[in-house]
């Protein structure tokens, strides 16, 4: 896709993005870890809701 910026503006953007502090090494995305975190949060909130319902309803 061609850039919609003027060439001098595109050059400034490219220089900005190529700066060392914008080159962060990241681990590959792990879908299973995300799924485990979401599942853990849902289970924890469910357990908390059950506990609070026993306190309220007795």
C-alpha atoms as a PDB file:
ATOM      1  CA  UNK A   1       0.000   0.000   0.000  1.00  0.00           C
ATOM      2  CA  UNK A   2       1.560   3.307  -1.000  1.00  0.00           C
ATOM      3  CA  UNK A   3       2.037   5.941   1.667  1.00  0.00           C
ATOM      4  CA  UNK A   4      -0.325   8.910   1.750  1.00  0.00           C
ATOM      5  CA  UNK A   5       2.361  11.099   3.324  1.00  0.00           C
ATOM      6  CA  UNK A   6       4.637  13.475   1.526  1.00  0.00           C
ATOM      7  CA  UNK A   7       8.073  11.898   0.976  1.00  0.00           C
ATOM      8  CA  UNK A   8       9.810  14.159   3.514  1.00  0.00           C
ATOM      9  CA  UNK A   9       7.167  13.355   6.148  1.00  0.00           C
ATOM     10  CA  UNK A  10       7.458   9.626   5.425  1.00  0.00           C
ATOM     11  CA  UNK A  11      11.238   9.919   5.837  1.00  0.00           C
ATOM     12  CA  UNK A  12      10.777  11.509   9.276  1.00  0.00           C
ATOM     13  CA  UNK A  13       8.334   8.764  10.311  1.00  0.00           C
ATOM     14  CA  UNK A  14      10.752   6.062   9.134  1.00  0.00           C
ATOM     15  CA  UNK A  15      13.623   7.668  11.061  1.00  0.00           C
ATOM     16  CA  UNK A  16      11.464   7.907  14.190  1.00  0.00           C
ATOM     17  CA  UNK A  17      10.423   4.253  14.005  1.00  0.00           C
ATOM     18  CA  UNK A  18      13.946   3.032  13.327  1.00  0.00           C
ATOM     19  CA  UNK A  19      15.297   4.620  16.538  1.00  0.00           C
ATOM     20  CA  UNK A  20      16.741   2.070  19.001  1.00  0.00           C
ATOM     21  CA  UNK A  21      14.157   2.715  21.704  1.00  0.00           C
ATOM     22  CA  UNK A  22      11.399   1.696  19.278  1.00  0.00           C
ATOM     23  CA  UNK A  23      13.042  -1.653  18.491  1.00  0.00           C
ATOM     24  CA  UNK A  24      11.872  -3.791  21.421  1.00  0.00           C
ATOM     25  CA  UNK A  25      12.389  -7.540  21.271  1.00  0.00           C
ATOM     26  CA  UNK A  26       9.204  -9.355  22.226  1.00  0.00           C
ATOM     27  CA  UNK A  27       8.396 -12.944  22.958  1.00  0.00           C
ATOM     28  CA  UNK A  28       6.064 -14.640  20.487  1.00  0.00           C
ATOM     29  CA  UNK A  29       2.372 -14.388  21.273  1.00  0.00           C
ATOM     30  CA  UNK A  30       1.127 -17.358  23.293  1.00  0.00           C
ATOM     31  CA  UNK A  31      -2.574 -17.984  22.762  1.00  0.00           C
ATOM     32  CA  UNK A  32      -2.718 -20.711  25.420  1.00  0.00           C
ATOM     33  CA  UNK A  33      -1.413 -18.373  28.113  1.00  0.00           C
ATOM     34  CA  UNK A  34      -4.072 -15.804  27.207  1.00  0.00           C
ATOM     35  CA  UNK A  35      -6.760 -18.483  27.321  1.00  0.00           C
ATOM     36  CA  UNK A  36      -5.532 -19.695  30.724  1.00  0.00           C
ATOM     37  CA  UNK A  37      -5.539 -16.157  32.150  1.00  0.00           C
ATOM     38  CA  UNK A  38      -9.062 -15.470  30.883  1.00  0.00           C
ATOM     39  CA  UNK A  39     -10.317 -18.826  32.157  1.00  0.00           C
ATOM     40  CA  UNK A  40      -8.665 -18.239  35.534  1.00  0.00           C
ATOM     41  CA  UNK A  41     -10.238 -14.801  35.843  1.00  0.00           C
ATOM     42  CA  UNK A  42     -13.701 -16.116  34.971  1.00  0.00           C
ATOM     43  CA  UNK A  43     -13.419 -18.988  37.462  1.00  0.00           C
ATOM     44  CA  UNK A  44     -12.125 -16.668  40.191  1.00  0.00           C
ATOM     45  CA  UNK A  45     -14.977 -14.201  39.663  1.00  0.00           C
ATOM     46  CA  UNK A  46     -17.483 -17.054  39.677  1.00  0.00           C
ATOM     47  CA  UNK A  47     -16.135 -18.386  42.951  1.00  0.00           C
ATOM     48  CA  UNK A  48     -16.163 -14.894  44.441  1.00  0.00           C
ATOM     49  CA  UNK A  49     -19.774 -14.423  43.335  1.00  0.00           C
ATOM     50  CA  UNK A  50     -20.800 -17.725  44.940  1.00  0.00           C
ATOM     51  CA  UNK A  51     -19.005 -16.814  48.171  1.00  0.00           C
ATOM     52  CA  UNK A  52     -20.648 -13.387  48.304  1.00  0.00           C
ATOM     53  CA  UNK A  53     -24.067 -14.918  47.607  1.00  0.00           C
ATOM     54  CA  UNK A  54     -23.679 -17.258  50.588  1.00  0.00           C
ATOM     55  CA  UNK A  55     -22.823 -14.261  52.781  1.00  0.00           C
ATOM     56  CA  UNK A  56     -25.809 -12.245  51.580  1.00  0.00           C
ATOM     57  CA  UNK A  57     -28.419 -14.986  51.353  1.00  0.00           C
ATOM     58  CA  UNK A  58     -27.127 -16.933  54.335  1.00  0.00           C
END
